[in-house]
Amino acid sequence: AYDQVNSDIRDLLCARHMLRVGAEVKPIPALAIRAGYNFLSSGRRGV
């Protein structure tokens, strides 16, 4: 009964990846400067 929906899942979806990188610098004890980058893949096969 679930063959079609399971086939659609296998055909349309794939692994989704996320990468997060960040840094914080404190030039003086009271001040913090922050920066970050984030990558997120779609998780849809062929897209």
All heavy atoms as atom14 arrays in JSON, in Angstrom:
{
  "sequence": "AYDQVNSDIRDLLCARHMLRVGAEVKPIPALAIRAGYNFLSSGRRGV",
  "atom14_mask": [
    [1, 1, 1, 1, 1, 0, 0, 0, 0, 0, 0, 0, 0, 0],
    [1, 1, 1, 1, 1, 1, 1, 1, 1, 1, 1, 1, 0, 0],
    [1, 1, 1, 1, 1, 1, 1, 1, 0, 0, 0, 0, 0, 0],
    [1, 1, 1, 1, 1, 1, 1, 1, 1, 0, 0, 0, 0, 0],
    [1, 1, 1, 1, 1, 1, 1, 0, 0, 0, 0, 0, 0, 0],
    [1, 1, 1, 1, 1, 1, 1, 1, 0, 0, 0, 0, 0, 0],
    [1, 1, 1, 1, 1, 1, 0, 0, 0, 0, 0, 0, 0, 0],
    [1, 1, 1, 1, 1, 1, 1, 1, 0, 0, 0, 0, 0, 0],
    [1, 1, 1, 1, 1, 1, 1, 1, 0, 0, 0, 0, 0, 0],
    [1, 1, 1, 1, 1, 1, 1, 1, 1, 1, 1, 0, 0, 0],
    [1, 1, 1, 1, 1, 1, 1, 1, 0, 0, 0, 0, 0, 0],
    [1, 1, 1, 1, 1, 1, 1, 1, 0, 0, 0, 0, 0, 0],
    [1, 1, 1, 1, 1, 1, 1, 1, 0, 0, 0, 0, 0, 0],
    [1, 1, 1, 1, 1, 1, 0, 0, 0, 0, 0, 0, 0, 0],
    [1, 1, 1, 1, 1, 0, 0, 0, 0, 0, 0, 0, 0, 0],
    [1, 1, 1, 1, 1, 1, 1, 1, 1, 1, 1, 0, 0, 0],
    [1, 1, 1, 1, 1, 1, 1, 1, 1, 1, 0, 0, 0, 0],
    [1, 1, 1, 1, 1, 1, 1, 1, 0, 0, 0, 0, 0, 0],
    [1, 1, 1, 1, 1, 1, 1, 1, 0, 0, 0, 0, 0, 0],
    [1, 1, 1, 1, 1, 1, 1, 1, 1, 1, 1, 0, 0, 0],
    [1, 1, 1, 1, 1, 1, 1, 0, 0, 0, 0, 0, 0, 0],
    [1, 1, 1, 1, 0, 0, 0, 0, 0, 0, 0, 0, 0, 0],
    [1, 1, 1, 1, 1, 0, 0, 0, 0, 0, 0, 0, 0, 0],
    [1, 1, 1, 1, 1, 1, 1, 1, 1, 0, 0, 0, 0, 0],
    [1, 1, 1, 1, 1, 1, 1, 0, 0, 0, 0, 0, 0, 0],
    [1, 1, 1, 1, 1, 1, 1, 1, 1, 0, 0, 0, 0, 0],
    [1, 1, 1, 1, 1, 1, 1, 0, 0, 0, 0, 0, 0, 0],
    [1, 1, 1, 1, 1, 1, 1, 1, 0, 0, 0, 0, 0, 0],
    [1, 1, 1, 1, 1, 1, 1, 0, 0, 0, 0, 0, 0, 0],
    [1, 1, 1, 1, 1, 0, 0, 0, 0, 0, 0, 0, 0, 0],
    [1, 1, 1, 1, 1, 1, 1, 1, 0, 0, 0, 0, 0, 0],
    [1, 1, 1, 1, 1, 0, 0, 0, 0, 0, 0, 0, 0, 0],
    [1, 1, 1, 1, 1, 1, 1, 1, 0, 0, 0, 0, 0, 0],
    [1, 1, 1, 1, 1, 1, 1, 1, 1, 1, 1, 0, 0, 0],
    [1, 1, 1, 1, 1, 0, 0, 0, 0, 0, 0, 0, 0, 0],
    [1, 1, 1, 1, 0, 0, 0, 0, 0, 0, 0, 0, 0, 0],
    [1, 1, 1, 1, 1, 1, 1, 1, 1, 1, 1, 1, 0, 0],
    [1, 1, 1, 1, 1, 1, 1, 1, 0, 0, 0, 0, 0, 0],
    [1, 1, 1, 1, 1, 1, 1, 1, 1, 1, 1, 0, 0, 0],
    [1, 1, 1, 1, 1, 1, 1, 1, 0, 0, 0, 0, 0, 0],
    [1, 1, 1, 1, 1, 1, 0, 0, 0, 0, 0, 0, 0, 0],
    [1, 1, 1, 1, 1, 1, 0, 0, 0, 0, 0, 0, 0, 0],
    [1, 1, 1, 1, 0, 0, 0, 0, 0, 0, 0, 0, 0, 0],
    [1, 1, 1, 1, 1, 1, 1, 1, 1, 1, 1, 0, 0, 0],
    [1, 1, 1, 1, 1, 1, 1, 1, 1, 1, 1, 0, 0, 0],
    [1, 1, 1, 1, 0, 0, 0, 0, 0, 0, 0, 0, 0, 0],
    [1, 1, 1, 1, 1, 1, 1, 0, 0, 0, 0, 0, 0, 0]
  ],
  "atom14_positions": [
    [[0.83, -1.21, 0.0], [0.0, 0.0, 0.0], [0.86, 1.26, 0.0], [0.41, 2.33, -0.41], [-0.93, 0.0, 1.21], [0.0, 0.0, 0.0], [0.0, 0.0, 0.0], [0.0, 0.0, 0.0], [0.0, 0.0, 0.0], [0.0, 0.0, 0.0], [0.0, 0.0, 0.0], [0.0, 0.0, 0.0], [0.0, 0.0, 0.0], [0.0, 0.0, 0.0]],
    [[2.1, 1.14, 0.44], [2.99, 2.29, 0.51], [4.08, 2.26, -0.55], [5.02, 3.06, -0.49], [3.61, 2.37, 1.91], [2.59, 2.56, 2.99], [2.25, 1.53, 3.84], [1.93, 3.77, 3.12], [1.29, 1.71, 4.83], [0.97, 3.95, 4.1], [0.66, 2.92, 4.95], [-0.29, 3.1, 5.92], [0.0, 0.0, 0.0], [0.0, 0.0, 0.0]],
    [[3.98, 1.35, -1.53], [5.01, 1.26, -2.56], [5.22, 2.57, -3.3], [6.35, 3.0, -3.52], [4.69, 0.14, -3.56], [4.96, -1.25, -2.99], [5.62, -1.34, -1.93], [4.52, -2.23, -3.62], [0.0, 0.0, 0.0], [0.0, 0.0, 0.0], [0.0, 0.0, 0.0], [0.0, 0.0, 0.0], [0.0, 0.0, 0.0], [0.0, 0.0, 0.0]],
    [[4.13, 3.23, -3.71], [4.26, 4.45, -4.5], [4.88, 5.58, -3.69], [5.79, 6.27, -4.15], [2.91, 4.89, -5.06], [3.0, 6.1, -5.97], [3.9, 5.87, -7.18], [3.74, 4.9, -7.89], [4.86, 6.76, -7.4], [0.0, 0.0, 0.0], [0.0, 0.0, 0.0], [0.0, 0.0, 0.0], [0.0, 0.0, 0.0], [0.0, 0.0, 0.0]],
    [[4.4, 5.82, -2.48], [4.96, 6.91, -1.67], [6.41, 6.62, -1.31], [7.25, 7.52, -1.32], [4.09, 7.2, -0.43], [4.17, 6.11, 0.61], [4.47, 8.55, 0.19], [0.0, 0.0, 0.0], [0.0, 0.0, 0.0], [0.0, 0.0, 0.0], [0.0, 0.0, 0.0], [0.0, 0.0, 0.0], [0.0, 0.0, 0.0], [0.0, 0.0, 0.0]],
    [[6.76, 5.37, -1.02], [8.15, 5.03, -0.71], [9.04, 5.19, -1.95], [10.19, 5.62, -1.84], [8.25, 3.62, -0.15], [7.71, 3.54, 1.26], [7.7, 4.52, 1.99], [7.23, 2.36, 1.64], [0.0, 0.0, 0.0], [0.0, 0.0, 0.0], [0.0, 0.0, 0.0], [0.0, 0.0, 0.0], [0.0, 0.0, 0.0], [0.0, 0.0, 0.0]],
    [[8.51, 4.85, -3.12], [9.24, 5.06, -4.36], [9.47, 6.55, -4.61], [10.56, 6.95, -5.03], [8.48, 4.44, -5.53], [9.12, 4.7, -6.75], [0.0, 0.0, 0.0], [0.0, 0.0, 0.0], [0.0, 0.0, 0.0], [0.0, 0.0, 0.0], [0.0, 0.0, 0.0], [0.0, 0.0, 0.0], [0.0, 0.0, 0.0], [0.0, 0.0, 0.0]],
    [[8.46, 7.37, -4.36], [8.6, 8.82, -4.52], [9.66, 9.37, -3.58], [10.46, 10.23, -3.97], [7.27, 9.53, -4.27], [6.27, 9.3, -5.38], [6.66, 8.82, -6.47], [5.07, 9.58, -5.15], [0.0, 0.0, 0.0], [0.0, 0.0, 0.0], [0.0, 0.0, 0.0], [0.0, 0.0, 0.0], [0.0, 0.0, 0.0], [0.0, 0.0, 0.0]],
    [[9.69, 8.89, -2.35], [10.71, 9.34, -1.38], [12.1, 9.01, -1.9], [12.99, 9.86, -1.91], [10.46, 8.72, 0.0], [9.21, 9.31, 0.64], [11.67, 8.9, 0.91], [8.75, 8.6, 1.9], [0.0, 0.0, 0.0], [0.0, 0.0, 0.0], [0.0, 0.0, 0.0], [0.0, 0.0, 0.0], [0.0, 0.0, 0.0], [0.0, 0.0, 0.0]],
    [[12.3, 7.77, -2.37], [13.62, 7.36, -2.88], [14.02, 8.16, -4.12], [15.17, 8.52, -4.28], [13.61, 5.87, -3.21], [13.8, 4.96, -2.04], [14.02, 3.52, -2.47], [13.02, 3.03, -3.41], [11.84, 2.52, -3.07], [11.52, 2.43, -1.79], [10.99, 2.1, -3.98], [0.0, 0.0, 0.0], [0.0, 0.0, 0.0], [0.0, 0.0, 0.0]],
    [[13.04, 8.44, -5.0], [13.34, 9.12, -6.26], [13.53, 10.63, -6.1], [14.26, 11.25, -6.88], [12.23, 8.88, -7.28], [12.15, 7.42, -7.72], [13.12, 6.67, -7.48], [11.12, 7.04, -8.3], [0.0, 0.0, 0.0], [0.0, 0.0, 0.0], [0.0, 0.0, 0.0], [0.0, 0.0, 0.0], [0.0, 0.0, 0.0], [0.0, 0.0, 0.0]],
    [[12.84, 11.24, -5.15], [12.84, 12.7, -5.05], [13.74, 13.27, -3.97], [14.16, 14.43, -4.06], [11.41, 13.2, -4.82], [10.41, 12.87, -5.92], [9.01, 13.29, -5.51], [10.81, 13.5, -7.23], [0.0, 0.0, 0.0], [0.0, 0.0, 0.0], [0.0, 0.0, 0.0], [0.0, 0.0, 0.0], [0.0, 0.0, 0.0], [0.0, 0.0, 0.0]],
    [[14.02, 12.5, -2.92], [14.77, 13.04, -1.79], [16.16, 12.41, -1.69], [16.36, 11.26, -2.06], [14.01, 12.81, -0.49], [12.63, 13.45, -0.39], [11.97, 13.09, 0.92], [12.71, 14.94, -0.58], [0.0, 0.0, 0.0], [0.0, 0.0, 0.0], [0.0, 0.0, 0.0], [0.0, 0.0, 0.0], [0.0, 0.0, 0.0], [0.0, 0.0, 0.0]],
    [[17.1, 13.19, -1.18], [18.44, 12.69, -0.93], [18.95, 13.32, 0.37], [18.21, 14.03, 1.04], [19.36, 13.01, -2.11], [19.57, 14.76, -2.43], [0.0, 0.0, 0.0], [0.0, 0.0, 0.0], [0.0, 0.0, 0.0], [0.0, 0.0, 0.0], [0.0, 0.0, 0.0], [0.0, 0.0, 0.0], [0.0, 0.0, 0.0], [0.0, 0.0, 0.0]],
    [[20.18, 13.08, 0.68], [20.74, 13.62, 1.92], [20.79, 15.15, 1.86], [21.03, 15.75, 0.83], [22.14, 13.07, 2.15], [0.0, 0.0, 0.0], [0.0, 0.0, 0.0], [0.0, 0.0, 0.0], [0.0, 0.0, 0.0], [0.0, 0.0, 0.0], [0.0, 0.0, 0.0], [0.0, 0.0, 0.0], [0.0, 0.0, 0.0], [0.0, 0.0, 0.0]],
    [[20.53, 15.75, 3.01], [20.59, 17.2, 3.15], [21.79, 17.53, 4.04], [21.93, 16.96, 5.12], [19.3, 17.71, 3.78], [19.23, 19.2, 3.85], [17.87, 19.66, 4.24], [17.8, 21.08, 3.94], [16.71, 21.79, 4.02], [15.6, 21.23, 4.39], [16.74, 23.07, 3.74], [0.0, 0.0, 0.0], [0.0, 0.0, 0.0], [0.0, 0.0, 0.0]],
    [[22.62, 18.45, 3.58], [23.85, 18.79, 4.29], [23.79, 20.22, 4.81], [23.26, 21.1, 4.14], [25.05, 18.66, 3.35], [25.15, 17.32, 2.71], [25.77, 16.25, 3.3], [24.68, 16.87, 1.52], [25.7, 15.21, 2.51], [25.04, 15.55, 1.42], [0.0, 0.0, 0.0], [0.0, 0.0, 0.0], [0.0, 0.0, 0.0], [0.0, 0.0, 0.0]],
    [[24.35, 20.43, 5.99], [24.47, 21.78, 6.54], [25.86, 21.92, 7.14], [26.33, 21.04, 7.86], [23.43, 22.04, 7.62], [23.52, 23.45, 8.19], [22.38, 23.8, 9.54], [20.84, 23.87, 8.66], [0.0, 0.0, 0.0], [0.0, 0.0, 0.0], [0.0, 0.0, 0.0], [0.0, 0.0, 0.0], [0.0, 0.0, 0.0], [0.0, 0.0, 0.0]],
    [[26.5, 23.03, 6.8], [27.81, 23.35, 7.35], [27.73, 24.73, 7.98], [27.24, 25.67, 7.35], [28.87, 23.35, 6.25], [30.27, 23.79, 6.68], [30.88, 22.78, 7.65], [31.17, 23.96, 5.45], [0.0, 0.0, 0.0], [0.0, 0.0, 0.0], [0.0, 0.0, 0.0], [0.0, 0.0, 0.0], [0.0, 0.0, 0.0], [0.0, 0.0, 0.0]],
    [[28.17, 24.83, 9.23], [28.18, 26.11, 9.94], [29.6, 26.35, 10.46], [30.19, 25.47, 11.08], [27.21, 26.07, 11.12], [25.77, 25.97, 10.72], [24.85, 25.87, 11.94], [25.06, 24.68, 12.73], [24.41, 23.54, 12.53], [23.52, 23.43, 11.57], [24.63, 22.5, 13.31], [0.0, 0.0, 0.0], [0.0, 0.0, 0.0], [0.0, 0.0, 0.0]],
    [[30.11, 27.56, 10.2], [31.44, 27.95, 10.67], [31.31, 29.31, 11.34], [30.63, 30.19, 10.8], [32.45, 28.03, 9.49], [33.82, 28.46, 9.99], [32.52, 26.71, 8.76], [0.0, 0.0, 0.0], [0.0, 0.0, 0.0], [0.0, 0.0, 0.0], [0.0, 0.0, 0.0], [0.0, 0.0, 0.0], [0.0, 0.0, 0.0], [0.0, 0.0, 0.0]],
    [[31.92, 29.47, 12.48], [31.81, 30.74, 13.19], [33.08, 31.08, 13.96], [33.88, 30.21, 14.28], [0.0, 0.0, 0.0], [0.0, 0.0, 0.0], [0.0, 0.0, 0.0], [0.0, 0.0, 0.0], [0.0, 0.0, 0.0], [0.0, 0.0, 0.0], [0.0, 0.0, 0.0], [0.0, 0.0, 0.0], [0.0, 0.0, 0.0], [0.0, 0.0, 0.0]],
    [[33.22, 32.37, 14.24], [34.37, 32.83, 15.01], [33.95, 34.02, 15.87], [33.05, 34.78, 15.51], [35.51, 33.23, 14.08], [0.0, 0.0, 0.0], [0.0, 0.0, 0.0], [0.0, 0.0, 0.0], [0.0, 0.0, 0.0], [0.0, 0.0, 0.0], [0.0, 0.0, 0.0], [0.0, 0.0, 0.0], [0.0, 0.0, 0.0], [0.0, 0.0, 0.0]],
    [[34.61, 34.16, 17.0], [34.41, 35.31, 17.88], [35.77, 35.77, 18.36], [36.59, 34.96, 18.78], [33.53, 34.94, 19.07], [33.34, 36.09, 20.04], [32.46, 35.73, 21.22], [31.25, 35.58, 21.03], [33.01, 35.6, 22.34], [0.0, 0.0, 0.0], [0.0, 0.0, 0.0], [0.0, 0.0, 0.0], [0.0, 0.0, 0.0], [0.0, 0.0, 0.0]],
    [[35.98, 37.07, 18.3], [37.24, 37.67, 18.75], [36.89, 38.7, 19.82], [35.94, 39.46, 19.67], [38.0, 38.34, 17.57], [39.25, 39.04, 18.06], [38.32, 37.32, 16.51], [0.0, 0.0, 0.0], [0.0, 0.0, 0.0], [0.0, 0.0, 0.0], [0.0, 0.0, 0.0], [0.0, 0.0, 0.0], [0.0, 0.0, 0.0], [0.0, 0.0, 0.0]],
    [[37.68, 38.73, 20.9], [37.49, 39.71, 21.97], [38.74, 40.58, 22.06], [39.67, 40.25, 22.8], [37.21, 39.0, 23.28], [35.87, 38.26, 23.28], [35.55, 37.72, 24.63], [34.82, 38.8, 25.36], [34.2, 38.4, 26.59], [0.0, 0.0, 0.0], [0.0, 0.0, 0.0], [0.0, 0.0, 0.0], [0.0, 0.0, 0.0], [0.0, 0.0, 0.0]],
    [[38.77, 41.69, 21.31], [39.96, 42.55, 21.37], [40.17, 43.18, 22.74], [41.3, 43.43, 23.14], [39.7, 43.62, 20.3], [38.23, 43.59, 20.06], [37.76, 42.22, 20.42], [0.0, 0.0, 0.0], [0.0, 0.0, 0.0], [0.0, 0.0, 0.0], [0.0, 0.0, 0.0], [0.0, 0.0, 0.0], [0.0, 0.0, 0.0], [0.0, 0.0, 0.0]],
    [[39.06, 43.44, 23.45], [39.1, 43.87, 24.85], [38.07, 43.04, 25.58], [37.12, 42.54, 24.96], [38.83, 45.4, 25.0], [37.46, 45.77, 24.43], [39.94, 46.22, 24.34], [37.06, 47.22, 24.66], [0.0, 0.0, 0.0], [0.0, 0.0, 0.0], [0.0, 0.0, 0.0], [0.0, 0.0, 0.0], [0.0, 0.0, 0.0], [0.0, 0.0, 0.0]],
    [[38.19, 42.85, 26.89], [37.29, 41.95, 27.6], [35.8, 42.3, 27.47], [34.96, 41.41, 27.5], [37.75, 42.06, 29.06], [39.19, 42.43, 28.97], [39.29, 43.32, 27.75], [0.0, 0.0, 0.0], [0.0, 0.0, 0.0], [0.0, 0.0, 0.0], [0.0, 0.0, 0.0], [0.0, 0.0, 0.0], [0.0, 0.0, 0.0], [0.0, 0.0, 0.0]],
    [[35.47, 43.56, 27.3], [34.06, 43.95, 27.26], [33.43, 43.87, 25.87], [32.22, 43.96, 25.73], [33.9, 45.38, 27.79], [0.0, 0.0, 0.0], [0.0, 0.0, 0.0], [0.0, 0.0, 0.0], [0.0, 0.0, 0.0], [0.0, 0.0, 0.0], [0.0, 0.0, 0.0], [0.0, 0.0, 0.0], [0.0, 0.0, 0.0], [0.0, 0.0, 0.0]],
    [[34.23, 43.66, 24.81], [33.72, 43.71, 23.44], [33.98, 42.39, 22.72], [35.09, 41.87, 22.76], [34.39, 44.85, 22.67], [33.96, 45.03, 21.22], [32.5, 45.49, 21.16], [34.86, 46.03, 20.52], [0.0, 0.0, 0.0], [0.0, 0.0, 0.0], [0.0, 0.0, 0.0], [0.0, 0.0, 0.0], [0.0, 0.0, 0.0], [0.0, 0.0, 0.0]],
    [[32.95, 41.87, 22.07], [33.07, 40.65, 21.26], [32.65, 40.96, 19.83], [31.61, 41.58, 19.6], [32.2, 39.54, 21.84], [0.0, 0.0, 0.0], [0.0, 0.0, 0.0], [0.0, 0.0, 0.0], [0.0, 0.0, 0.0], [0.0, 0.0, 0.0], [0.0, 0.0, 0.0], [0.0, 0.0, 0.0], [0.0, 0.0, 0.0], [0.0, 0.0, 0.0]],
    [[33.45, 40.52, 18.88], [33.15, 40.67, 17.45], [32.94, 39.27, 16.9], [33.79, 38.39, 17.08], [34.3, 41.38, 16.71], [34.57, 42.75, 17.33], [33.98, 41.51, 15.22], [35.85, 43.39, 16.85], [0.0, 0.0, 0.0], [0.0, 0.0, 0.0], [0.0, 0.0, 0.0], [0.0, 0.0, 0.0], [0.0, 0.0, 0.0], [0.0, 0.0, 0.0]],
    [[31.79, 39.05, 16.24], [31.42, 37.71, 15.78], [31.18, 37.7, 14.27], [30.7, 38.67, 13.7], [30.15, 37.25, 16.48], [30.27, 37.21, 17.97], [28.96, 36.78, 18.61], [29.04, 36.94, 20.04], [28.52, 37.96, 20.72], [27.85, 38.88, 20.09], [28.66, 38.03, 22.01], [0.0, 0.0, 0.0], [0.0, 0.0, 0.0], [0.0, 0.0, 0.0]],
    [[31.46, 36.55, 13.64], [31.15, 36.34, 12.23], [30.84, 34.87, 12.03], [31.35, 34.0, 12.74], [32.33, 36.76, 11.35], [0.0, 0.0, 0.0], [0.0, 0.0, 0.0], [0.0, 0.0, 0.0], [0.0, 0.0, 0.0], [0.0, 0.0, 0.0], [0.0, 0.0, 0.0], [0.0, 0.0, 0.0], [0.0, 0.0, 0.0], [0.0, 0.0, 0.0]],
    [[29.98, 34.59, 11.05], [29.62, 33.21, 10.78], [29.21, 32.99, 9.34], [28.88, 33.93, 8.62], [0.0, 0.0, 0.0], [0.0, 0.0, 0.0], [0.0, 0.0, 0.0], [0.0, 0.0, 0.0], [0.0, 0.0, 0.0], [0.0, 0.0, 0.0], [0.0, 0.0, 0.0], [0.0, 0.0, 0.0], [0.0, 0.0, 0.0], [0.0, 0.0, 0.0]],
    [[29.27, 31.74, 8.93], [28.86, 31.33, 7.59], [28.04, 30.05, 7.72], [28.35, 29.21, 8.56], [30.08, 31.08, 6.69], [29.72, 30.47, 5.36], [29.16, 31.24, 4.36], [29.91, 29.12, 5.13], [28.81, 30.69, 3.14], [29.57, 28.55, 3.92], [29.01, 29.33, 2.93], [28.66, 28.77, 1.74], [0.0, 0.0, 0.0], [0.0, 0.0, 0.0]],
    [[27.0, 29.92, 6.89], [26.13, 28.75, 6.93], [25.83, 28.31, 5.5], [25.51, 29.14, 4.64], [24.83, 29.11, 7.65], [23.91, 27.93, 7.82], [24.36, 26.82, 8.04], [22.62, 28.17, 7.71], [0.0, 0.0, 0.0], [0.0, 0.0, 0.0], [0.0, 0.0, 0.0], [0.0, 0.0, 0.0], [0.0, 0.0, 0.0], [0.0, 0.0, 0.0]],
    [[25.94, 27.02, 5.22], [25.59, 26.43, 3.93], [24.53, 25.36, 4.17], [24.66, 24.56, 5.09], [26.83, 25.78, 3.28], [26.49, 24.89, 2.12], [26.26, 25.43, 0.87], [26.39, 23.53, 2.29], [25.94, 24.62, -0.2], [26.07, 22.7, 1.23], [25.85, 23.25, -0.02], [0.0, 0.0, 0.0], [0.0, 0.0, 0.0], [0.0, 0.0, 0.0]],
    [[23.49, 25.35, 3.34], [22.42, 24.36, 3.46], [22.05, 23.86, 2.08], [21.65, 24.64, 1.22], [21.19, 24.99, 4.13], [19.95, 24.11, 4.29], [20.25, 22.91, 5.18], [18.8, 24.91, 4.85], [0.0, 0.0, 0.0], [0.0, 0.0, 0.0], [0.0, 0.0, 0.0], [0.0, 0.0, 0.0], [0.0, 0.0, 0.0], [0.0, 0.0, 0.0]],
    [[22.2, 22.54, 1.86], [21.81, 21.97, 0.57], [20.31, 21.69, 0.57], [19.67, 21.64, 1.61], [22.6, 20.69, 0.28], [22.22, 19.66, 1.17], [0.0, 0.0, 0.0], [0.0, 0.0, 0.0], [0.0, 0.0, 0.0], [0.0, 0.0, 0.0], [0.0, 0.0, 0.0], [0.0, 0.0, 0.0], [0.0, 0.0, 0.0], [0.0, 0.0, 0.0]],
    [[19.75, 21.45, -0.6], [18.29, 21.36, -0.74], [17.7, 20.06, -0.21], [16.59, 20.05, 0.29], [17.88, 21.55, -2.2], [18.2, 20.39, -2.94], [0.0, 0.0, 0.0], [0.0, 0.0, 0.0], [0.0, 0.0, 0.0], [0.0, 0.0, 0.0], [0.0, 0.0, 0.0], [0.0, 0.0, 0.0], [0.0, 0.0, 0.0], [0.0, 0.0, 0.0]],
    [[18.36, 18.94, -0.37], [17.79, 17.66, 0.03], [16.86, 17.06, -1.02], [16.26, 16.02, -0.78], [0.0, 0.0, 0.0], [0.0, 0.0, 0.0], [0.0, 0.0, 0.0], [0.0, 0.0, 0.0], [0.0, 0.0, 0.0], [0.0, 0.0, 0.0], [0.0, 0.0, 0.0], [0.0, 0.0, 0.0], [0.0, 0.0, 0.0], [0.0, 0.0, 0.0]],
    [[16.74, 17.72, -2.17], [15.92, 17.18, -3.27], [16.85, 16.69, -4.36], [17.74, 17.4, -4.8], [14.96, 18.25, -3.81], [13.93, 18.65, -2.78], [12.98, 19.67, -3.33], [13.7, 20.94, -3.48], [13.27, 21.96, -4.19], [12.13, 21.9, -4.82], [13.99, 23.06, -4.27], [0.0, 0.0, 0.0], [0.0, 0.0, 0.0], [0.0, 0.0, 0.0]],
    [[16.63, 15.47, -4.8], [17.47, 14.86, -5.81], [17.38, 15.63, -7.13], [16.3, 15.96, -7.6], [17.04, 13.41, -6.02], [18.02, 12.56, -6.76], [17.59, 11.11, -6.78], [17.43, 10.5, -5.49], [18.42, 10.09, -4.7], [19.66, 10.24, -5.09], [18.18, 9.53, -3.53], [0.0, 0.0, 0.0], [0.0, 0.0, 0.0], [0.0, 0.0, 0.0]],
    [[18.53, 15.94, -7.74], [18.58, 16.62, -9.02], [18.3, 18.1, -8.97], [18.23, 18.76, -9.99], [0.0, 0.0, 0.0], [0.0, 0.0, 0.0], [0.0, 0.0, 0.0], [0.0, 0.0, 0.0], [0.0, 0.0, 0.0], [0.0, 0.0, 0.0], [0.0, 0.0, 0.0], [0.0, 0.0, 0.0], [0.0, 0.0, 0.0], [0.0, 0.0, 0.0]],
    [[18.12, 18.66, -7.78], [17.85, 20.1, -7.65], [19.03, 20.74, -6.95], [19.38, 20.38, -5.84], [16.55, 20.34, -6.83], [16.34, 21.82, -6.61], [15.36, 19.71, -7.53], [0.0, 0.0, 0.0], [0.0, 0.0, 0.0], [0.0, 0.0, 0.0], [0.0, 0.0, 0.0], [0.0, 0.0, 0.0], [0.0, 0.0, 0.0], [0.0, 0.0, 0.0]]
  ]
}
